[in-house]
């Protein structure tokens, strides 16, 4: 099964953008992120899972994703939900997690500008997303200046599991019962072309 859980997030050109990138790095943006370590390294239910904040000029998508074993679909959805809820409440970003995320984001910068095309693309992003002209000049310093308090203040505003829409692609006959037991809300069936199907005619997929 392939699991997605997402909701809208603020545009890229917002005052918290660098903090958003940092928080996402901890939650699901890197191999050592919470979501991946949980589902891949601890549970062994997925080859790779995480979270993404898409870039956009307007409202954009924040989502968790997890391709998982069919027989662990329900359990994986539960773990994803736990991670989304934990980072905003009882399990805030730790000092070690923040330090690692800061290092990951800042040390990656030289590799992102190895070619003229890459530099041009970054400059294009400034125009495309309406970012300040000094966005990249001050990026590393702003990442390093973030604190655990900043992460704790941002998490409840960025990560909103109660507003998430879940999309699960898989063998309906094997996963539907478990998904229903989670009581996440109304279930809709969608075909390969994105058309919503009546439950009675949705078949087994």
N, C-alpha and C. Protein backbone atom coordinates (compact mmCIF):
# COMPACT_ATOMS: atom_id res chain seq x y z
N UNK A 1 0.84 -1.19 0.00
CA UNK A 1 0.00 0.00 0.00
C UNK A 1 0.88 1.25 0.00
N UNK A 2 0.34 2.31 -0.56
CA UNK A 2 1.02 3.60 -0.50
C UNK A 2 0.11 4.57 0.24
N UNK A 3 0.65 5.16 1.30
CA UNK A 3 -0.13 6.02 2.19
C UNK A 3 0.31 7.47 2.03
N UNK A 4 -0.67 8.36 1.94
CA UNK A 4 -0.42 9.79 1.97
C UNK A 4 -1.36 10.42 3.01
N UNK A 5 -0.87 11.41 3.72
CA UNK A 5 -1.72 12.18 4.64
C UNK A 5 -1.27 13.63 4.54
N UNK A 6 -2.14 14.50 4.01
CA UNK A 6 -1.70 15.86 3.77
C UNK A 6 -2.75 16.91 4.02
N UNK A 7 -2.27 18.15 4.09
CA UNK A 7 -3.15 19.31 4.23
C UNK A 7 -2.41 20.53 3.71
N UNK A 8 -3.10 21.66 3.65
CA UNK A 8 -2.50 22.87 3.13
C UNK A 8 -1.52 23.49 4.13
N UNK A 9 -0.51 24.16 3.57
CA UNK A 9 0.49 24.87 4.37
C UNK A 9 0.66 26.28 3.80
N UNK A 10 1.29 27.20 4.54
CA UNK A 10 1.46 28.57 4.05
C UNK A 10 2.34 28.61 2.80
N UNK A 11 2.26 29.69 2.01
CA UNK A 11 3.12 29.86 0.84
C UNK A 11 4.60 29.84 1.24
N UNK A 12 5.45 29.59 0.27
CA UNK A 12 6.89 29.55 0.56
C UNK A 12 7.40 30.91 1.03
N UNK A 13 6.84 31.98 0.49
CA UNK A 13 7.27 33.32 0.89
C UNK A 13 6.56 33.74 2.17
N UNK A 14 6.92 33.11 3.27
CA UNK A 14 6.35 33.48 4.57
C UNK A 14 7.49 33.57 5.58
N UNK A 15 7.32 34.31 6.65
CA UNK A 15 8.43 34.55 7.59
C UNK A 15 8.98 33.28 8.24
N UNK A 16 8.19 32.22 8.27
CA UNK A 16 8.62 30.99 8.94
C UNK A 16 9.21 29.95 7.99
N UNK A 17 9.47 30.32 6.73
CA UNK A 17 9.86 29.32 5.74
C UNK A 17 11.09 28.52 6.16
N UNK A 18 12.11 29.19 6.64
CA UNK A 18 13.34 28.47 7.01
C UNK A 18 13.09 27.58 8.21
N UNK A 19 12.27 28.02 9.13
CA UNK A 19 11.91 27.17 10.26
C UNK A 19 11.08 25.97 9.80
N UNK A 20 10.22 26.18 8.80
CA UNK A 20 9.42 25.08 8.25
C UNK A 20 10.33 24.02 7.64
N UNK A 21 11.32 24.45 6.86
CA UNK A 21 12.26 23.50 6.26
C UNK A 21 13.00 22.71 7.34
N UNK A 22 13.35 23.39 8.40
CA UNK A 22 14.10 22.73 9.48
C UNK A 22 13.22 21.74 10.23
N UNK A 23 12.01 22.14 10.56
CA UNK A 23 11.09 21.23 11.24
C UNK A 23 10.78 20.03 10.38
N UNK A 24 10.58 20.25 9.09
CA UNK A 24 10.29 19.14 8.19
C UNK A 24 11.46 18.18 8.10
N UNK A 25 12.67 18.71 8.17
CA UNK A 25 13.86 17.85 8.15
C UNK A 25 13.84 16.88 9.31
N UNK A 26 13.44 17.36 10.48
CA UNK A 26 13.37 16.50 11.67
C UNK A 26 12.24 15.48 11.55
N UNK A 27 11.09 15.93 11.09
CA UNK A 27 9.92 15.07 11.06
C UNK A 27 9.98 14.01 9.97
N UNK A 28 10.33 14.41 8.76
CA UNK A 28 10.30 13.42 7.68
C UNK A 28 11.10 13.78 6.45
N UNK A 29 11.97 14.79 6.54
CA UNK A 29 12.66 15.27 5.36
C UNK A 29 13.99 14.63 5.06
N UNK A 30 14.48 13.77 5.94
CA UNK A 30 15.78 13.13 5.72
C UNK A 30 15.70 11.65 6.09
N UNK A 31 16.75 10.92 5.78
CA UNK A 31 16.78 9.49 6.09
C UNK A 31 16.69 9.25 7.60
N UNK A 32 17.29 10.14 8.38
CA UNK A 32 17.29 9.97 9.83
C UNK A 32 16.11 10.67 10.51
N UNK A 33 15.12 11.05 9.74
CA UNK A 33 13.95 11.72 10.30
C UNK A 33 13.09 10.74 11.11
N UNK A 34 12.21 11.29 11.89
CA UNK A 34 11.38 10.48 12.78
C UNK A 34 10.51 9.48 12.02
N UNK A 35 9.84 9.94 10.98
CA UNK A 35 8.92 9.06 10.26
C UNK A 35 9.67 7.90 9.62
N UNK A 36 10.80 8.18 8.99
CA UNK A 36 11.56 7.11 8.33
C UNK A 36 12.17 6.15 9.34
N UNK A 37 12.73 6.67 10.42
CA UNK A 37 13.31 5.79 11.43
C UNK A 37 12.24 4.89 12.05
N UNK A 38 11.05 5.41 12.19
CA UNK A 38 9.96 4.63 12.77
C UNK A 38 9.55 3.50 11.83
N UNK A 39 9.13 3.84 10.62
CA UNK A 39 8.55 2.84 9.72
C UNK A 39 9.58 1.96 9.04
N UNK A 40 10.77 2.50 8.77
CA UNK A 40 11.79 1.69 8.09
C UNK A 40 12.72 1.00 9.08
N UNK A 41 13.38 1.79 9.91
CA UNK A 41 14.43 1.23 10.76
C UNK A 41 13.89 0.47 11.96
N UNK A 42 12.81 0.95 12.55
CA UNK A 42 12.25 0.30 13.74
C UNK A 42 11.26 -0.80 13.37
N UNK A 43 10.23 -0.44 12.59
CA UNK A 43 9.17 -1.40 12.29
C UNK A 43 9.49 -2.30 11.10
N UNK A 44 10.33 -1.85 10.18
CA UNK A 44 10.65 -2.62 8.95
C UNK A 44 9.41 -2.84 8.08
N UNK A 45 8.52 -1.88 8.07
CA UNK A 45 7.30 -1.99 7.26
C UNK A 45 7.42 -1.24 5.94
N UNK A 46 8.45 -0.40 5.80
CA UNK A 46 8.59 0.45 4.63
C UNK A 46 10.06 0.53 4.23
N UNK A 47 10.29 0.71 2.92
CA UNK A 47 11.66 0.92 2.46
C UNK A 47 12.08 2.38 2.64
N UNK A 48 11.09 3.26 2.73
CA UNK A 48 11.39 4.67 2.93
C UNK A 48 10.13 5.48 3.09
N UNK A 49 10.05 6.28 4.15
CA UNK A 49 8.86 7.10 4.42
C UNK A 49 9.32 8.48 4.88
N UNK A 50 8.43 9.46 4.79
CA UNK A 50 8.84 10.79 5.20
C UNK A 50 7.74 11.82 5.06
N UNK A 51 8.14 13.09 5.06
CA UNK A 51 7.22 14.20 4.88
C UNK A 51 7.82 15.19 3.89
N UNK A 52 6.96 15.91 3.19
CA UNK A 52 7.38 16.87 2.18
C UNK A 52 6.54 18.13 2.29
N UNK A 53 7.20 19.28 2.10
CA UNK A 53 6.48 20.54 1.94
C UNK A 53 6.79 21.04 0.53
N UNK A 54 5.81 20.96 -0.35
CA UNK A 54 6.02 21.40 -1.73
C UNK A 54 6.19 22.91 -1.80
N UNK A 55 7.01 23.35 -2.74
CA UNK A 55 7.19 24.78 -2.97
C UNK A 55 6.05 25.31 -3.84
N UNK A 56 5.52 26.46 -3.48
CA UNK A 56 4.46 27.09 -4.26
C UNK A 56 4.34 28.56 -3.88
N UNK A 57 3.82 29.35 -4.80
CA UNK A 57 3.63 30.78 -4.53
C UNK A 57 2.44 31.02 -3.62
N UNK A 58 1.42 30.18 -3.73
CA UNK A 58 0.25 30.29 -2.88
C UNK A 58 0.26 29.18 -1.84
N UNK A 59 -0.92 28.87 -1.33
CA UNK A 59 -1.00 27.75 -0.39
C UNK A 59 -0.43 26.50 -1.04
N UNK A 60 0.25 25.70 -0.28
CA UNK A 60 0.92 24.52 -0.84
C UNK A 60 0.61 23.31 0.01
N UNK A 61 1.13 22.18 -0.45
CA UNK A 61 0.80 20.92 0.21
C UNK A 61 1.91 20.48 1.16
N UNK A 62 1.51 20.16 2.37
CA UNK A 62 2.38 19.46 3.31
C UNK A 62 1.81 18.06 3.47
N UNK A 63 2.65 17.04 3.28
CA UNK A 63 2.11 15.69 3.40
C UNK A 63 3.15 14.69 3.87
N UNK A 64 2.65 13.67 4.53
CA UNK A 64 3.46 12.51 4.88
C UNK A 64 3.19 11.42 3.85
N UNK A 65 4.21 10.61 3.57
CA UNK A 65 4.04 9.51 2.61
C UNK A 65 4.72 8.27 3.15
N UNK A 66 4.18 7.12 2.78
CA UNK A 66 4.76 5.86 3.26
C UNK A 66 4.29 4.69 2.40
N UNK A 67 5.16 4.18 1.53
CA UNK A 67 4.85 2.91 0.86
C UNK A 67 5.16 1.78 1.85
N UNK A 68 4.17 0.95 2.14
CA UNK A 68 4.33 -0.03 3.22
C UNK A 68 3.82 -1.40 2.81
N UNK A 69 4.15 -2.40 3.64
CA UNK A 69 3.61 -3.74 3.45
C UNK A 69 2.09 -3.68 3.52
N UNK A 70 1.45 -4.43 2.64
CA UNK A 70 -0.01 -4.43 2.62
C UNK A 70 -0.60 -4.80 3.98
N UNK A 71 -0.02 -5.81 4.61
CA UNK A 71 -0.59 -6.29 5.87
C UNK A 71 -0.28 -5.38 7.06
N UNK A 72 0.45 -4.29 6.81
CA UNK A 72 0.74 -3.32 7.87
C UNK A 72 0.20 -1.93 7.53
N UNK A 73 -0.80 -1.89 6.67
CA UNK A 73 -1.36 -0.60 6.26
C UNK A 73 -1.98 0.14 7.44
N UNK A 74 -2.87 -0.49 8.14
CA UNK A 74 -3.54 0.14 9.29
C UNK A 74 -2.50 0.57 10.32
N UNK A 75 -1.60 -0.33 10.66
CA UNK A 75 -0.59 -0.02 11.68
C UNK A 75 0.31 1.13 11.24
N UNK A 76 0.65 1.18 9.96
CA UNK A 76 1.51 2.25 9.46
C UNK A 76 0.79 3.60 9.51
N UNK A 77 -0.48 3.61 9.18
CA UNK A 77 -1.26 4.84 9.28
C UNK A 77 -1.31 5.32 10.72
N UNK A 78 -1.42 4.39 11.64
CA UNK A 78 -1.43 4.74 13.06
C UNK A 78 -0.10 5.37 13.46
N UNK A 79 1.01 4.80 13.00
CA UNK A 79 2.32 5.33 13.35
C UNK A 79 2.56 6.70 12.73
N UNK A 80 2.13 6.89 11.48
CA UNK A 80 2.27 8.21 10.85
C UNK A 80 1.49 9.25 11.65
N UNK A 81 0.27 8.91 12.01
CA UNK A 81 -0.55 9.82 12.82
C UNK A 81 0.12 10.13 14.15
N UNK A 82 0.70 9.13 14.78
CA UNK A 82 1.39 9.33 16.05
C UNK A 82 2.54 10.32 15.91
N UNK A 83 3.32 10.17 14.83
CA UNK A 83 4.46 11.06 14.64
C UNK A 83 4.00 12.49 14.37
N UNK A 84 2.94 12.64 13.59
CA UNK A 84 2.43 13.98 13.31
C UNK A 84 1.94 14.66 14.58
N UNK A 85 1.31 13.90 15.44
CA UNK A 85 0.78 14.46 16.69
C UNK A 85 1.89 14.70 17.72
N UNK A 86 2.85 13.80 17.76
CA UNK A 86 3.88 13.89 18.79
C UNK A 86 4.76 15.13 18.66
N UNK A 87 5.14 15.46 17.43
CA UNK A 87 6.09 16.57 17.25
C UNK A 87 5.46 17.91 17.63
N UNK A 88 4.15 17.97 17.67
CA UNK A 88 3.47 19.22 18.02
C UNK A 88 3.00 19.26 19.46
N UNK A 89 3.30 18.20 20.23
CA UNK A 89 2.80 18.19 21.60
C UNK A 89 3.77 17.53 22.57
N UNK A 90 3.62 16.22 22.77
CA UNK A 90 4.34 15.55 23.86
C UNK A 90 5.77 15.14 23.50
N UNK A 91 6.17 15.28 22.23
CA UNK A 91 7.52 14.89 21.83
C UNK A 91 8.11 15.98 20.93
N UNK A 92 8.39 17.14 21.48
CA UNK A 92 8.92 18.25 20.67
C UNK A 92 10.33 17.95 20.16
N UNK A 93 10.76 18.75 19.22
CA UNK A 93 12.10 18.60 18.64
C UNK A 93 13.15 18.72 19.73
N UNK A 94 14.07 17.77 19.77
CA UNK A 94 15.13 17.79 20.77
C UNK A 94 16.31 18.64 20.30
N UNK A 95 17.20 18.94 21.22
CA UNK A 95 18.38 19.70 20.86
C UNK A 95 19.24 18.98 19.83
N UNK A 96 19.41 17.68 20.00
CA UNK A 96 20.21 16.90 19.05
C UNK A 96 19.56 16.88 17.67
N UNK A 97 18.23 16.72 17.64
CA UNK A 97 17.53 16.71 16.35
C UNK A 97 17.67 18.05 15.64
N UNK A 98 17.56 19.13 16.39
CA UNK A 98 17.68 20.45 15.79
C UNK A 98 19.09 20.67 15.25
N UNK A 99 20.09 20.29 16.02
CA UNK A 99 21.48 20.45 15.58
C UNK A 99 21.74 19.67 14.30
N UNK A 100 21.24 18.44 14.25
CA UNK A 100 21.44 17.62 13.06
C UNK A 100 20.74 18.23 11.85
N UNK A 101 19.53 18.73 12.03
CA UNK A 101 18.80 19.35 10.93
C UNK A 101 19.52 20.61 10.44
N UNK A 102 20.02 21.40 11.37
CA UNK A 102 20.75 22.61 11.00
C UNK A 102 22.00 22.27 10.19
N UNK A 103 22.70 21.24 10.60
CA UNK A 103 23.90 20.82 9.87
C UNK A 103 23.54 20.31 8.49
N UNK A 104 22.48 19.51 8.41
CA UNK A 104 22.06 18.94 7.13
C UNK A 104 21.71 20.04 6.13
N UNK A 105 20.95 21.02 6.58
CA UNK A 105 20.49 22.07 5.67
C UNK A 105 21.61 23.01 5.25
N UNK A 106 22.50 23.34 6.16
CA UNK A 106 23.56 24.29 5.83
C UNK A 106 24.71 23.63 5.06
N UNK A 107 25.08 22.43 5.43
CA UNK A 107 26.18 21.76 4.74
C UNK A 107 25.81 21.33 3.33
N UNK A 108 24.51 21.26 3.04
CA UNK A 108 24.07 20.87 1.70
C UNK A 108 24.16 22.02 0.70
N UNK A 109 24.31 23.24 1.19
CA UNK A 109 24.27 24.40 0.30
C UNK A 109 25.34 24.37 -0.80
N UNK A 110 26.62 24.11 -0.49
CA UNK A 110 27.62 24.11 -1.56
C UNK A 110 27.30 23.11 -2.67
N UNK A 111 26.79 21.95 -2.29
CA UNK A 111 26.46 20.94 -3.29
C UNK A 111 25.30 21.34 -4.18
N UNK A 112 24.45 22.23 -3.67
CA UNK A 112 23.31 22.68 -4.46
C UNK A 112 23.70 23.71 -5.51
N UNK A 113 24.90 24.26 -5.40
CA UNK A 113 25.33 25.32 -6.32
C UNK A 113 26.63 24.93 -7.03
N UNK A 114 26.73 23.68 -7.43
CA UNK A 114 27.96 23.21 -8.08
C UNK A 114 28.06 23.63 -9.53
N UNK A 115 26.95 23.99 -10.15
CA UNK A 115 26.95 24.38 -11.56
C UNK A 115 26.28 25.74 -11.73
N UNK A 116 26.54 26.37 -12.86
CA UNK A 116 25.90 27.65 -13.16
C UNK A 116 24.39 27.48 -13.28
N UNK A 117 23.96 26.35 -13.84
CA UNK A 117 22.53 26.10 -13.96
C UNK A 117 21.87 26.03 -12.59
N UNK A 118 22.55 25.41 -11.63
CA UNK A 118 22.00 25.29 -10.29
C UNK A 118 21.89 26.66 -9.62
N UNK A 119 22.91 27.49 -9.81
CA UNK A 119 22.87 28.85 -9.26
C UNK A 119 21.73 29.64 -9.89
N UNK A 120 21.60 29.51 -11.21
CA UNK A 120 20.53 30.22 -11.91
C UNK A 120 19.16 29.76 -11.43
N UNK A 121 19.03 28.47 -11.15
CA UNK A 121 17.75 27.95 -10.67
C UNK A 121 17.40 28.53 -9.31
N UNK A 122 18.40 28.67 -8.44
CA UNK A 122 18.16 29.26 -7.12
C UNK A 122 17.75 30.72 -7.24
N UNK A 123 18.41 31.44 -8.13
CA UNK A 123 18.03 32.84 -8.36
C UNK A 123 16.62 32.92 -8.93
N UNK A 124 16.30 31.97 -9.80
CA UNK A 124 14.95 31.92 -10.35
C UNK A 124 13.91 31.67 -9.28
N UNK A 125 14.27 30.86 -8.29
CA UNK A 125 13.32 30.58 -7.20
C UNK A 125 13.00 31.84 -6.39
N UNK A 126 13.99 32.72 -6.26
CA UNK A 126 13.75 33.97 -5.54
C UNK A 126 12.64 34.76 -6.22
N UNK A 127 12.72 34.83 -7.55
CA UNK A 127 11.70 35.56 -8.31
C UNK A 127 10.39 34.78 -8.33
N UNK A 128 10.50 33.50 -8.58
CA UNK A 128 9.30 32.66 -8.73
C UNK A 128 8.42 32.66 -7.49
N UNK A 129 9.06 32.57 -6.33
CA UNK A 129 8.29 32.44 -5.09
C UNK A 129 8.19 33.74 -4.30
N UNK A 130 8.73 34.82 -4.85
CA UNK A 130 8.64 36.11 -4.16
C UNK A 130 9.46 36.18 -2.89
N UNK A 131 10.63 35.55 -2.90
CA UNK A 131 11.49 35.54 -1.71
C UNK A 131 12.33 36.81 -1.65
N UNK A 132 12.81 37.18 -0.46
CA UNK A 132 13.70 38.35 -0.35
C UNK A 132 14.97 38.14 -1.17
N UNK A 133 15.53 39.22 -1.69
CA UNK A 133 16.76 39.11 -2.47
C UNK A 133 17.90 38.51 -1.66
N UNK A 134 17.84 38.68 -0.34
CA UNK A 134 18.90 38.19 0.54
C UNK A 134 18.61 36.78 1.08
N UNK A 135 17.62 36.11 0.51
CA UNK A 135 17.17 34.82 1.06
C UNK A 135 18.34 33.85 1.23
N UNK A 136 19.11 33.65 0.17
CA UNK A 136 20.21 32.68 0.26
C UNK A 136 21.43 33.26 0.96
N UNK A 137 21.62 34.57 0.90
CA UNK A 137 22.75 35.19 1.60
C UNK A 137 22.66 34.98 3.10
N UNK A 138 21.44 35.00 3.61
CA UNK A 138 21.24 34.90 5.07
C UNK A 138 20.74 33.52 5.50
N UNK A 139 20.59 32.61 4.53
CA UNK A 139 19.96 31.32 4.81
C UNK A 139 20.66 30.56 5.94
N UNK A 140 21.96 30.36 5.81
CA UNK A 140 22.69 29.55 6.79
C UNK A 140 22.62 30.16 8.19
N UNK A 141 22.80 31.48 8.27
CA UNK A 141 22.75 32.13 9.59
C UNK A 141 21.37 32.00 10.22
N UNK A 142 20.33 32.10 9.39
CA UNK A 142 18.97 32.00 9.93
C UNK A 142 18.66 30.58 10.38
N UNK A 143 19.16 29.60 9.65
CA UNK A 143 18.97 28.21 10.08
C UNK A 143 19.67 27.98 11.42
N UNK A 144 20.90 28.43 11.53
CA UNK A 144 21.68 28.22 12.75
C UNK A 144 21.10 28.97 13.95
N UNK A 145 20.36 30.04 13.69
CA UNK A 145 19.80 30.84 14.79
C UNK A 145 18.52 30.25 15.38
N UNK A 146 17.96 29.24 14.73
CA UNK A 146 16.71 28.65 15.22
C UNK A 146 16.93 27.93 16.55
N UNK A 147 15.91 27.97 17.39
CA UNK A 147 15.97 27.34 18.71
C UNK A 147 14.88 26.29 18.86
N UNK A 148 15.01 25.50 19.89
CA UNK A 148 13.97 24.52 20.19
C UNK A 148 12.63 25.19 20.44
N UNK A 149 12.67 26.36 21.03
CA UNK A 149 11.43 27.11 21.27
C UNK A 149 10.77 27.50 19.95
N UNK A 150 11.58 27.86 18.96
CA UNK A 150 11.04 28.17 17.63
C UNK A 150 10.33 26.96 17.04
N UNK A 151 10.94 25.79 17.17
CA UNK A 151 10.35 24.57 16.64
C UNK A 151 9.03 24.24 17.34
N UNK A 152 9.02 24.40 18.66
CA UNK A 152 7.81 24.09 19.43
C UNK A 152 6.67 25.04 19.10
N UNK A 153 7.01 26.30 18.81
CA UNK A 153 5.99 27.27 18.45
C UNK A 153 5.43 27.02 17.06
N UNK A 154 6.30 26.57 16.16
CA UNK A 154 5.88 26.35 14.77
C UNK A 154 5.10 25.06 14.58
N UNK A 155 5.50 24.01 15.26
CA UNK A 155 4.93 22.68 14.99
C UNK A 155 3.41 22.63 15.00
N UNK A 156 2.72 23.19 16.00
CA UNK A 156 1.25 23.12 15.99
C UNK A 156 0.62 23.90 14.84
N UNK A 157 1.34 24.89 14.32
CA UNK A 157 0.79 25.68 13.22
C UNK A 157 1.02 25.02 11.87
N UNK A 158 2.15 24.31 11.73
CA UNK A 158 2.43 23.65 10.46
C UNK A 158 1.79 22.28 10.37
N UNK A 159 1.93 21.48 11.40
CA UNK A 159 1.47 20.09 11.38
C UNK A 159 0.08 20.02 12.02
N UNK A 160 -0.91 19.70 11.20
CA UNK A 160 -2.30 19.69 11.67
C UNK A 160 -2.99 18.39 11.29
N UNK A 161 -2.70 17.32 12.01
CA UNK A 161 -3.24 16.00 11.64
C UNK A 161 -4.76 15.92 11.64
N UNK A 162 -5.42 16.74 12.44
CA UNK A 162 -6.88 16.71 12.44
C UNK A 162 -7.47 17.25 11.15
N UNK A 163 -6.68 17.98 10.38
CA UNK A 163 -7.13 18.52 9.10
C UNK A 163 -6.61 17.72 7.92
N UNK A 164 -5.89 16.66 8.17
CA UNK A 164 -5.27 15.89 7.09
C UNK A 164 -6.30 15.09 6.29
N UNK A 165 -6.06 15.04 4.99
CA UNK A 165 -6.80 14.14 4.11
C UNK A 165 -5.90 12.94 3.84
N UNK A 166 -6.43 11.75 4.07
CA UNK A 166 -5.66 10.53 3.87
C UNK A 166 -5.99 9.93 2.50
N UNK A 167 -4.96 9.54 1.78
CA UNK A 167 -5.12 8.84 0.51
C UNK A 167 -4.33 7.55 0.61
N UNK A 168 -4.99 6.43 0.39
CA UNK A 168 -4.33 5.13 0.48
C UNK A 168 -4.58 4.37 -0.82
N UNK A 169 -3.50 3.95 -1.46
CA UNK A 169 -3.59 3.16 -2.69
C UNK A 169 -3.17 1.74 -2.35
N UNK A 170 -4.05 0.79 -2.60
CA UNK A 170 -3.72 -0.59 -2.26
C UNK A 170 -4.83 -1.55 -2.59
N UNK A 171 -4.68 -2.76 -2.12
CA UNK A 171 -5.66 -3.82 -2.33
C UNK A 171 -6.81 -3.63 -1.35
N UNK A 172 -7.91 -3.13 -1.86
CA UNK A 172 -9.03 -2.79 -0.98
C UNK A 172 -9.50 -3.98 -0.17
N UNK A 173 -9.53 -5.14 -0.78
CA UNK A 173 -10.04 -6.33 -0.08
C UNK A 173 -9.21 -6.66 1.15
N UNK A 174 -7.92 -6.26 1.12
CA UNK A 174 -7.03 -6.61 2.22
C UNK A 174 -6.87 -5.48 3.25
N UNK A 175 -7.19 -4.25 2.87
CA UNK A 175 -6.88 -3.14 3.77
C UNK A 175 -8.10 -2.35 4.24
N UNK A 176 -9.23 -2.51 3.59
CA UNK A 176 -10.38 -1.65 3.91
C UNK A 176 -10.85 -1.80 5.35
N UNK A 177 -10.97 -3.02 5.82
CA UNK A 177 -11.48 -3.23 7.18
C UNK A 177 -10.61 -2.52 8.21
N UNK A 178 -9.30 -2.67 8.07
CA UNK A 178 -8.39 -2.02 9.02
C UNK A 178 -8.48 -0.51 8.97
N UNK A 179 -8.59 0.04 7.77
CA UNK A 179 -8.69 1.49 7.63
C UNK A 179 -9.97 2.00 8.28
N UNK A 180 -11.06 1.29 8.08
CA UNK A 180 -12.33 1.70 8.69
C UNK A 180 -12.23 1.69 10.22
N UNK A 181 -11.47 0.77 10.76
CA UNK A 181 -11.34 0.68 12.21
C UNK A 181 -10.65 1.90 12.81
N UNK A 182 -9.93 2.65 11.99
CA UNK A 182 -9.24 3.85 12.47
C UNK A 182 -10.19 5.04 12.66
N UNK A 183 -11.38 4.95 12.06
CA UNK A 183 -12.39 6.01 12.22
C UNK A 183 -11.84 7.40 11.87
N UNK A 184 -11.20 7.49 10.72
CA UNK A 184 -10.61 8.76 10.31
C UNK A 184 -11.62 9.69 9.64
N UNK A 185 -12.78 9.17 9.28
CA UNK A 185 -13.78 9.99 8.61
C UNK A 185 -14.40 9.25 7.45
N UNK A 186 -15.10 10.01 6.62
CA UNK A 186 -15.77 9.43 5.45
C UNK A 186 -14.74 8.84 4.49
N UNK A 187 -15.04 7.67 3.96
CA UNK A 187 -14.16 7.02 3.00
C UNK A 187 -14.75 7.17 1.60
N UNK A 188 -13.93 7.63 0.66
CA UNK A 188 -14.34 7.74 -0.74
C UNK A 188 -13.44 6.86 -1.58
N UNK A 189 -13.99 6.34 -2.66
CA UNK A 189 -13.25 5.46 -3.55
C UNK A 189 -12.98 6.20 -4.85
N UNK A 190 -11.74 6.13 -5.33
CA UNK A 190 -11.32 6.86 -6.52
C UNK A 190 -10.69 5.90 -7.50
N UNK A 191 -11.05 6.02 -8.79
CA UNK A 191 -10.47 5.12 -9.79
C UNK A 191 -9.12 5.66 -10.27
N UNK A 192 -8.52 4.96 -11.23
CA UNK A 192 -7.18 5.31 -11.69
C UNK A 192 -7.13 6.67 -12.38
N UNK A 193 -8.28 7.19 -12.80
CA UNK A 193 -8.34 8.49 -13.46
C UNK A 193 -8.77 9.61 -12.51
N UNK A 194 -8.88 9.28 -11.22
CA UNK A 194 -9.24 10.29 -10.24
C UNK A 194 -10.72 10.53 -10.08
N UNK A 195 -11.54 9.71 -10.69
CA UNK A 195 -12.98 9.87 -10.55
C UNK A 195 -13.47 9.22 -9.26
N UNK A 196 -14.33 9.94 -8.55
CA UNK A 196 -14.91 9.39 -7.32
C UNK A 196 -15.99 8.38 -7.70
N UNK A 197 -15.91 7.20 -7.11
CA UNK A 197 -16.84 6.12 -7.41
C UNK A 197 -17.81 5.91 -6.27
N UNK A 198 -19.04 5.52 -6.59
CA UNK A 198 -19.97 5.11 -5.53
C UNK A 198 -19.41 3.88 -4.82
N UNK A 199 -19.59 3.79 -3.53
CA UNK A 199 -19.03 2.66 -2.77
C UNK A 199 -19.50 1.33 -3.31
N UNK A 200 -20.76 1.27 -3.75
CA UNK A 200 -21.32 0.00 -4.22
C UNK A 200 -20.68 -0.48 -5.50
N UNK A 201 -20.12 0.45 -6.30
CA UNK A 201 -19.55 0.05 -7.59
C UNK A 201 -18.04 0.17 -7.61
N UNK A 202 -17.43 0.38 -6.44
CA UNK A 202 -15.99 0.62 -6.39
C UNK A 202 -15.17 -0.63 -6.63
N UNK A 203 -15.78 -1.79 -6.50
CA UNK A 203 -15.04 -3.01 -6.73
C UNK A 203 -14.10 -3.32 -5.59
N UNK A 204 -13.07 -4.06 -5.87
CA UNK A 204 -12.15 -4.51 -4.82
C UNK A 204 -10.85 -3.74 -4.80
N UNK A 205 -10.72 -2.65 -5.60
CA UNK A 205 -9.46 -1.92 -5.65
C UNK A 205 -9.64 -0.48 -5.18
